[in-house]
PDB file of N, CA and C in Angstrom:
ATOM      1  N   MET A   1      64.099  73.761 -61.544  1.00  0.00           N
ATOM      2  CA  MET A   1      64.374  72.429 -62.024  1.00  0.00           C
ATOM      3  C   MET A   1      63.837  71.437 -61.008  1.00  0.00           C
ATOM      4  N   SER A   2      63.225  70.374 -61.456  1.00  0.00           N
ATOM      5  CA  SER A   2      62.650  69.398 -60.546  1.00  0.00           C
ATOM      6  C   SER A   2      63.722  68.436 -60.045  1.00  0.00           C
ATOM      7  N   PRO A   3      63.465  67.806 -58.878  1.00  0.00           N
ATOM      8  CA  PRO A   3      64.437  66.877 -58.333  1.00  0.00           C
ATOM      9  C   PRO A   3      64.680  65.705 -59.273  1.00  0.00           C
ATOM     10  N   SER A   4      65.903  65.240 -59.302  1.00  0.00           N
ATOM     11  CA  SER A   4      66.223  64.066 -60.100  1.00  0.00           C
ATOM     12  C   SER A   4      66.960  63.073 -59.229  1.00  0.00           C
ATOM     13  N   PRO A   5      66.592  61.787 -59.316  1.00  0.00           N
ATOM     14  CA  PRO A   5      67.254  60.789 -58.483  1.00  0.00           C
ATOM     15  C   PRO A   5      68.742  60.709 -58.830  1.00  0.00           C
ATOM     16  N   VAL A   6      69.572  60.691 -57.816  1.00  0.00           N
ATOM     17  CA  VAL A   6      71.002  60.578 -58.057  1.00  0.00           C
ATOM     18  C   VAL A   6      71.591  59.323 -57.438  1.00  0.00           C
ATOM     19  N   SER A   7      70.931  58.764 -56.466  1.00  0.00           N
ATOM     20  CA  SER A   7      71.381  57.502 -55.891  1.00  0.00           C
ATOM     21  C   SER A   7      70.218  56.878 -55.156  1.00  0.00           C
ATOM     22  N   SER A   8      70.300  55.600 -54.928  1.00  0.00           N
ATOM     23  CA  SER A   8      69.233  54.951 -54.171  1.00  0.00           C
ATOM     24  C   SER A   8      69.834  54.183 -53.017  1.00  0.00           C
ATOM     25  N   ASN A   9      69.083  54.068 -51.990  1.00  0.00           N
ATOM     26  CA  ASN A   9      69.490  53.358 -50.803  1.00  0.00           C
ATOM     27  C   ASN A   9      69.191  51.883 -51.011  1.00  0.00           C
ATOM     28  N   GLU A  10      69.744  51.013 -50.169  1.00  0.00           N
ATOM     29  CA  GLU A  10      69.448  49.593 -50.258  1.00  0.00           C
ATOM     30  C   GLU A  10      67.964  49.345 -50.035  1.00  0.00           C
ATOM     31  N   ASP A  11      67.326  50.181 -49.279  1.00  0.00           N
ATOM     32  CA  ASP A  11      65.902  50.090 -48.991  1.00  0.00           C
ATOM     33  C   ASP A  11      65.137  50.713 -50.151  1.00  0.00           C
ATOM     34  N   SER A  12      64.339  49.915 -50.846  1.00  0.00           N
ATOM     35  CA  SER A  12      63.636  50.424 -52.027  1.00  0.00           C
ATOM     36  C   SER A  12      62.571  51.454 -51.684  1.00  0.00           C
ATOM     37  N   ASP A  13      62.179  51.547 -50.415  1.00  0.00           N
ATOM     38  CA  ASP A  13      61.174  52.527 -50.011  1.00  0.00           C
ATOM     39  C   ASP A  13      61.757  53.915 -49.805  1.00  0.00           C
ATOM     40  N   TYR A  14      63.063  54.038 -49.932  1.00  0.00           N
ATOM     41  CA  TYR A  14      63.699  55.293 -49.558  1.00  0.00           C
ATOM     42  C   TYR A  14      64.759  55.643 -50.589  1.00  0.00           C
ATOM     43  N   ALA A  15      64.574  56.713 -51.279  1.00  0.00           N
ATOM     44  CA  ALA A  15      65.553  57.141 -52.277  1.00  0.00           C
ATOM     45  C   ALA A  15      65.866  58.608 -52.055  1.00  0.00           C
ATOM     46  N   PHE A  16      67.064  58.988 -52.344  1.00  0.00           N
ATOM     47  CA  PHE A  16      67.460  60.386 -52.200  1.00  0.00           C
ATOM     48  C   PHE A  16      67.438  61.074 -53.550  1.00  0.00           C
ATOM     49  N   ALA A  17      67.082  62.328 -53.538  1.00  0.00           N
ATOM     50  CA  ALA A  17      67.105  63.140 -54.749  1.00  0.00           C
ATOM     51  C   ALA A  17      67.733  64.473 -54.386  1.00  0.00           C
ATOM     52  N   ILE A  18      68.412  65.052 -55.326  1.00  0.00           N
ATOM     53  CA  ILE A  18      69.018  66.359 -55.097  1.00  0.00           C
ATOM     54  C   ILE A  18      68.549  67.292 -56.195  1.00  0.00           C
ATOM     55  N   ASP A  19      68.037  68.460 -55.800  1.00  0.00           N
ATOM     56  CA  ASP A  19      67.556  69.399 -56.805  1.00  0.00           C
ATOM     57  C   ASP A  19      68.670  70.357 -57.209  1.00  0.00           C
ATOM     58  N   ALA A  20      68.376  71.272 -58.089  1.00  0.00           N
ATOM     59  CA  ALA A  20      69.385  72.189 -58.626  1.00  0.00           C
ATOM     60  C   ALA A  20      69.998  73.073 -57.552  1.00  0.00           C
ATOM     61  N   ALA A  21      69.287  73.327 -56.482  1.00  0.00           N
ATOM     62  CA  ALA A  21      69.802  74.175 -55.405  1.00  0.00           C
ATOM     63  C   ALA A  21      70.665  73.393 -54.420  1.00  0.00           C
ATOM     64  N   ALA A  22      70.911  72.140 -54.714  1.00  0.00           N
ATOM     65  CA  ALA A  22      71.747  71.260 -53.894  1.00  0.00           C
ATOM     66  C   ALA A  22      71.162  71.011 -52.507  1.00  0.00           C
ATOM     67  N   THR A  23      69.849  71.008 -52.403  1.00  0.00           N
ATOM     68  CA  THR A  23      69.209  70.619 -51.154  1.00  0.00           C
ATOM     69  C   THR A  23      68.716  69.197 -51.320  1.00  0.00           C
ATOM     70  N   SER A  24      68.807  68.421 -50.276  1.00  0.00           N
ATOM     71  CA  SER A  24      68.398  67.026 -50.399  1.00  0.00           C
ATOM     72  C   SER A  24      66.949  66.863 -49.975  1.00  0.00           C
ATOM     73  N   THR A  25      66.273  65.993 -50.645  1.00  0.00           N
ATOM     74  CA  THR A  25      64.896  65.664 -50.340  1.00  0.00           C
ATOM     75  C   THR A  25      64.793  64.150 -50.288  1.00  0.00           C
ATOM     76  N   ALA A  26      64.070  63.643 -49.349  1.00  0.00           N
ATOM     77  CA  ALA A  26      63.873  62.204 -49.266  1.00  0.00           C
ATOM     78  C   ALA A  26      62.496  61.872 -49.807  1.00  0.00           C
ATOM     79  N   ARG A  27      62.437  60.852 -50.607  1.00  0.00           N
ATOM     80  CA  ARG A  27      61.146  60.393 -51.106  1.00  0.00           C
ATOM     81  C   ARG A  27      60.829  59.070 -50.429  1.00  0.00           C
ATOM     82  N   ILE A  28      59.669  58.981 -49.853  1.00  0.00           N
ATOM     83  CA  ILE A  28      59.245  57.780 -49.158  1.00  0.00           C
ATOM     84  C   ILE A  28      57.975  57.286 -49.828  1.00  0.00           C
ATOM     85  N   ASN A  29      57.959  55.998 -50.136  1.00  0.00           N
ATOM     86  CA  ASN A  29      56.770  55.435 -50.774  1.00  0.00           C
ATOM     87  C   ASN A  29      55.561  55.549 -49.856  1.00  0.00           C
ATOM     88  N   LYS A  30      54.400  55.620 -50.469  1.00  0.00           N
ATOM     89  CA  LYS A  30      53.130  55.686 -49.750  1.00  0.00           C
ATOM     90  C   LYS A  30      52.997  54.476 -48.827  1.00  0.00           C
ATOM     91  N   PHE A  31      52.467  54.689 -47.633  1.00  0.00           N
ATOM     92  CA  PHE A  31      52.276  53.593 -46.682  1.00  0.00           C
ATOM     93  C   PHE A  31      51.287  52.594 -47.258  1.00  0.00           C
ATOM     94  N   GLN A  32      51.689  51.321 -47.282  1.00  0.00           N
ATOM     95  CA  GLN A  32      50.873  50.271 -47.896  1.00  0.00           C
ATOM     96  C   GLN A  32      50.271  49.298 -46.877  1.00  0.00           C
ATOM     97  N   GLY A  33      50.406  49.587 -45.593  1.00  0.00           N
ATOM     98  CA  GLY A  33      49.806  48.723 -44.589  1.00  0.00           C
ATOM     99  C   GLY A  33      50.791  47.799 -43.888  1.00  0.00           C
ATOM    100  N   THR A  34      52.043  47.793 -44.304  1.00  0.00           N
ATOM    101  CA  THR A  34      53.064  46.982 -43.648  1.00  0.00           C
ATOM    102  C   THR A  34      54.236  47.878 -43.264  1.00  0.00           C
ATOM    103  N   ASN A  35      55.032  47.410 -42.335  1.00  0.00           N
ATOM    104  CA  ASN A  35      56.221  48.142 -41.877  1.00  0.00           C
ATOM    105  C   ASN A  35      55.891  49.556 -41.407  1.00  0.00           C
ATOM    106  N   PHE A  36      54.827  49.694 -40.632  1.00  0.00           N
ATOM    107  CA  PHE A  36      54.402  51.012 -40.174  1.00  0.00           C
ATOM    108  C   PHE A  36      55.501  51.745 -39.415  1.00  0.00           C
ATOM    109  N   HIS A  37      56.181  51.040 -38.508  1.00  0.00           N
ATOM    110  CA  HIS A  37      57.178  51.713 -37.675  1.00  0.00           C
ATOM    111  C   HIS A  37      58.333  52.257 -38.509  1.00  0.00           C
ATOM    112  N   THR A  38      58.737  51.519 -39.528  1.00  0.00           N
ATOM    113  CA  THR A  38      59.798  51.990 -40.423  1.00  0.00           C
ATOM    114  C   THR A  38      59.320  53.195 -41.209  1.00  0.00           C
ATOM    115  N   TRP A  39      58.115  53.102 -41.780  1.00  0.00           N
ATOM    116  CA  TRP A  39      57.547  54.214 -42.553  1.00  0.00           C
ATOM    117  C   TRP A  39      57.412  55.454 -41.676  1.00  0.00           C
ATOM    118  N   LYS A  40      56.888  55.282 -40.460  1.00  0.00           N
ATOM    119  CA  LYS A  40      56.681  56.402 -39.541  1.00  0.00           C
ATOM    120  C   LYS A  40      58.008  57.079 -39.196  1.00  0.00           C
ATOM    121  N   PHE A  41      59.030  56.280 -38.918  1.00  0.00           N
ATOM    122  CA  PHE A  41      60.334  56.846 -38.576  1.00  0.00           C
ATOM    123  C   PHE A  41      60.884  57.670 -39.733  1.00  0.00           C
ATOM    124  N   LYS A  42      60.827  57.133 -40.935  1.00  0.00           N
ATOM    125  CA  LYS A  42      61.333  57.847 -42.113  1.00  0.00           C
ATOM    126  C   LYS A  42      60.547  59.136 -42.346  1.00  0.00           C
ATOM    127  N   MET A  43      59.235  59.052 -42.201  1.00  0.00           N
ATOM    128  CA  MET A  43      58.394  60.227 -42.400  1.00  0.00           C
ATOM    129  C   MET A  43      58.703  61.291 -41.347  1.00  0.00           C
ATOM    130  N   GLN A  44      58.885  60.873 -40.113  1.00  0.00           N
ATOM    131  CA  GLN A  44      59.208  61.829 -39.053  1.00  0.00           C
ATOM    132  C   GLN A  44      60.533  62.525 -39.341  1.00  0.00           C
ATOM    133  N   MET A  45      61.518  61.784 -39.815  1.00  0.00           N
ATOM    134  CA  MET A  45      62.822  62.386 -40.121  1.00  0.00           C
ATOM    135  C   MET A  45      62.704  63.441 -41.221  1.00  0.00           C
ATOM    136  N   VAL A  46      61.912  63.150 -42.241  1.00  0.00           N
ATOM    137  CA  VAL A  46      61.719  64.115 -43.334  1.00  0.00           C
ATOM    138  C   VAL A  46      60.992  65.351 -42.815  1.00  0.00           C
ATOM    139  N   LEU A  47      59.944  65.145 -42.038  1.00  0.00           N
ATOM    140  CA  LEU A  47      59.183  66.277 -41.509  1.00  0.00           C
ATOM    141  C   LEU A  47      60.029  67.123 -40.559  1.00  0.00           C
ATOM    142  N   GLU A  48      60.866  66.486 -39.762  1.00  0.00           N
ATOM    143  CA  GLU A  48      61.762  67.245 -38.884  1.00  0.00           C
ATOM    144  C   GLU A  48      62.779  68.034 -39.698  1.00  0.00           C
ATOM    145  N   GLU A  49      63.290  67.424 -40.766  1.00  0.00           N
ATOM    146  CA  GLU A  49      64.252  68.116 -41.627  1.00  0.00           C
ATOM    147  C   GLU A  49      63.656  69.391 -42.211  1.00  0.00           C
ATOM    148  N   HIS A  50      62.361  69.355 -42.511  1.00  0.00           N
ATOM    149  CA  HIS A  50      61.676  70.507 -43.101  1.00  0.00           C
ATOM    150  C   HIS A  50      61.014  71.395 -42.042  1.00  0.00           C
ATOM    151  N   ASP A  51      61.309  71.132 -40.781  1.00  0.00           N
ATOM    152  CA  ASP A  51      60.784  71.934 -39.674  1.00  0.00           C
ATOM    153  C   ASP A  51      59.253  71.893 -39.610  1.00  0.00           C
ATOM    154  N   LEU A  52      58.695  70.694 -39.845  1.00  0.00           N
ATOM    155  CA  LEU A  52      57.243  70.534 -39.885  1.00  0.00           C
ATOM    156  C   LEU A  52      56.717  69.550 -38.845  1.00  0.00           C
ATOM    157  N   TRP A  53      57.593  68.909 -38.098  1.00  0.00           N
ATOM    158  CA  TRP A  53      57.152  67.861 -37.189  1.00  0.00           C
ATOM    159  C   TRP A  53      56.222  68.393 -36.102  1.00  0.00           C
ATOM    160  N   GLU A  54      56.517  69.567 -35.542  1.00  0.00           N
ATOM    161  CA  GLU A  54      55.699  70.103 -34.448  1.00  0.00           C
ATOM    162  C   GLU A  54      54.269  70.379 -34.902  1.00  0.00           C
ATOM    163  N   ILE A  55      54.079  70.664 -36.167  1.00  0.00           N
ATOM    164  CA  ILE A  55      52.734  70.857 -36.728  1.00  0.00           C
ATOM    165  C   ILE A  55      52.043  69.502 -36.854  1.00  0.00           C
ATOM    166  N   THR A  56      52.774  68.518 -37.367  1.00  0.00           N
ATOM    167  CA  THR A  56      52.215  67.199 -37.655  1.00  0.00           C
ATOM    168  C   THR A  56      51.843  66.434 -36.393  1.00  0.00           C
ATOM    169  N   CYS A  57      52.683  66.497 -35.369  1.00  0.00           N
ATOM    170  CA  CYS A  57      52.429  65.714 -34.154  1.00  0.00           C
ATOM    171  C   CYS A  57      51.432  66.395 -33.217  1.00  0.00           C
ATOM    172  N   GLY A  58      51.034  67.622 -33.526  1.00  0.00           N
ATOM    173  CA  GLY A  58      50.039  68.320 -32.717  1.00  0.00           C
ATOM    174  C   GLY A  58      50.619  69.160 -31.597  1.00  0.00           C
ATOM    175  N   GLU A  59      51.944  69.254 -31.545  1.00  0.00           N
ATOM    176  CA  GLU A  59      52.595  70.075 -30.524  1.00  0.00           C
ATOM    177  C   GLU A  59      52.199  71.542 -30.669  1.00  0.00           C
ATOM    178  N   VAL A  60      52.056  72.007 -31.905  1.00  0.00           N
ATOM    179  CA  VAL A  60      51.602  73.366 -32.196  1.00  0.00           C
ATOM    180  C   VAL A  60      50.240  73.254 -32.867  1.00  0.00           C
ATOM    181  N   LYS A  61      49.281  74.017 -32.394  1.00  0.00           N
ATOM    182  CA  LYS A  61      47.929  73.990 -32.958  1.00  0.00           C
ATOM    183  C   LYS A  61      47.538  75.388 -33.408  1.00  0.00           C
ATOM    184  N   LEU A  62      46.609  75.449 -34.343  1.00  0.00           N
ATOM    185  CA  LEU A  62      46.165  76.729 -34.879  1.00  0.00           C
ATOM    186  C   LEU A  62      45.656  77.658 -33.781  1.00  0.00           C
ATOM    187  N   GLU A  63      44.953  77.107 -32.809  1.00  0.00           N
ATOM    188  CA  GLU A  63      44.414  77.958 -31.741  1.00  0.00           C
ATOM    189  C   GLU A  63      45.517  78.544 -30.851  1.00  0.00           C
ATOM    190  N   HIS A  64      46.735  78.004 -30.924  1.00  0.00           N
ATOM    191  CA  HIS A  64      47.865  78.572 -30.180  1.00  0.00           C
ATOM    192  C   HIS A  64      48.446  79.796 -30.880  1.00  0.00           C
ATOM    193  N   CYS A  65      48.121  79.979 -32.137  1.00  0.00           N
ATOM    194  CA  CYS A  65      48.662  81.094 -32.920  1.00  0.00           C
ATOM    195  C   CYS A  65      47.878  82.358 -32.596  1.00  0.00           C
ATOM    196  N   THR A  66      48.563  83.350 -32.060  1.00  0.00           N
ATOM    197  CA  THR A  66      47.879  84.534 -31.544  1.00  0.00           C
ATOM    198  C   THR A  66      47.715  85.659 -32.550  1.00  0.00           C
ATOM    199  N   ASN A  67      48.489  85.650 -33.623  1.00  0.00           N
ATOM    200  CA  ASN A  67      48.341  86.732 -34.600  1.00  0.00           C
ATOM    201  C   ASN A  67      48.202  86.164 -36.012  1.00  0.00           C
ATOM    202  N   VAL A  68      47.855  87.008 -36.930  1.00  0.00           N
ATOM    203  CA  VAL A  68      47.583  86.596 -38.310  1.00  0.00           C
ATOM    204  C   VAL A  68      48.818  85.981 -38.956  1.00  0.00           C
ATOM    205  N   MET A  69      49.995  86.537 -38.680  1.00  0.00           N
ATOM    206  CA  MET A  69      51.224  86.019 -39.269  1.00  0.00           C
ATOM    207  C   MET A  69      51.486  84.588 -38.797  1.00  0.00           C
ATOM    208  N   ASP A  70      51.306  84.334 -37.499  1.00  0.00           N
ATOM    209  CA  ASP A  70      51.492  82.989 -36.966  1.00  0.00           C
ATOM    210  C   ASP A  70      50.476  82.019 -37.561  1.00  0.00           C
ATOM    211  N   GLN A  71      49.228  82.465 -37.705  1.00  0.00           N
ATOM    212  CA  GLN A  71      48.194  81.623 -38.297  1.00  0.00           C
ATOM    213  C   GLN A  71      48.527  81.294 -39.745  1.00  0.00           C
ATOM    214  N   SER A  72      49.017  82.268 -40.471  1.00  0.00           N
ATOM    215  CA  SER A  72      49.399  82.063 -41.862  1.00  0.00           C
ATOM    216  C   SER A  72      50.555  81.068 -41.969  1.00  0.00           C
ATOM    217  N   THR A  73      51.537  81.214 -41.096  1.00  0.00           N
ATOM    218  CA  THR A  73      52.677  80.295 -41.077  1.00  0.00           C
ATOM    219  C   THR A  73      52.219  78.886 -40.733  1.00  0.00           C
ATOM    220  N   PHE A  74      51.328  78.762 -39.744  1.00  0.00           N
ATOM    221  CA  PHE A  74      50.807  77.455 -39.365  1.00  0.00           C
ATOM    222  C   PHE A  74      50.109  76.791 -40.549  1.00  0.00           C
ATOM    223  N   LYS A  75      49.242  77.525 -41.226  1.00  0.00           N
ATOM    224  CA  LYS A  75      48.491  76.971 -42.355  1.00  0.00           C
ATOM    225  C   LYS A  75      49.421  76.562 -43.492  1.00  0.00           C
ATOM    226  N   ARG A  76      50.440  77.377 -43.769  1.00  0.00           N
ATOM    227  CA  ARG A  76      51.401  77.058 -44.827  1.00  0.00           C
ATOM    228  C   ARG A  76      52.172  75.785 -44.473  1.00  0.00           C
ATOM    229  N   LYS A  77      52.638  75.689 -43.235  1.00  0.00           N
ATOM    230  CA  LYS A  77      53.383  74.508 -42.801  1.00  0.00           C
ATOM    231  C   LYS A  77      52.490  73.269 -42.790  1.00  0.00           C
ATOM    232  N   SER A  78      51.245  73.446 -42.386  1.00  0.00           N
ATOM    233  CA  SER A  78      50.304  72.332 -42.363  1.00  0.00           C
ATOM    234  C   SER A  78      50.070  71.779 -43.767  1.00  0.00           C
ATOM    235  N   ARG A  79      49.890  72.673 -44.729  1.00  0.00           N
ATOM    236  CA  ARG A  79      49.701  72.243 -46.128  1.00  0.00           C
ATOM    237  C   ARG A  79      50.951  71.544 -46.656  1.00  0.00           C
ATOM    238  N   LYS A  80      52.106  72.069 -46.312  1.00  0.00           N
ATOM    239  CA  LYS A  80      53.364  71.484 -46.767  1.00  0.00           C
ATOM    240  C   LYS A  80      53.548  70.083 -46.175  1.00  0.00           C
ATOM    241  N   ALA A  81      53.250  69.931 -44.882  1.00  0.00           N
ATOM    242  CA  ALA A  81      53.356  68.623 -44.233  1.00  0.00           C
ATOM    243  C   ALA A  81      52.402  67.626 -44.874  1.00  0.00           C
ATOM    244  N   LEU A  82      51.186  68.047 -45.141  1.00  0.00           N
ATOM    245  CA  LEU A  82      50.207  67.178 -45.781  1.00  0.00           C
ATOM    246  C   LEU A  82      50.681  66.738 -47.163  1.00  0.00           C
ATOM    247  N   ALA A  83      51.267  67.646 -47.905  1.00  0.00           N
ATOM    248  CA  ALA A  83      51.775  67.311 -49.241  1.00  0.00           C
ATOM    249  C   ALA A  83      52.900  66.283 -49.159  1.00  0.00           C
ATOM    250  N   ILE A  84      53.741  66.389 -48.148  1.00  0.00           N
ATOM    251  CA  ILE A  84      54.838  65.431 -47.987  1.00  0.00           C
ATOM    252  C   ILE A  84      54.300  64.060 -47.610  1.00  0.00           C
ATOM    253  N   ILE A  85      53.349  64.044 -46.684  1.00  0.00           N
ATOM    254  CA  ILE A  85      52.778  62.769 -46.224  1.00  0.00           C
ATOM    255  C   ILE A  85      52.009  62.121 -47.349  1.00  0.00           C
TER     256      ILE A  85
END
């Protein structure tokens, strides 16, 4: 089942949705050129919640992955982070 909005925050750029598995997901509007620091903070919080921040900020790089499993995990997380952003 896809996420459905259940409540909205006072900030129109940030709404919460809850899916059938009762996990929360934050939806953040696409960056439009204003309020960068607010957008960045919200995006970082979502990426950290999904355990993707270290991939996004460059703390972990593909060349640091020593085996195929680590490389596969890195690529999967990288794609997931890109989809969120």
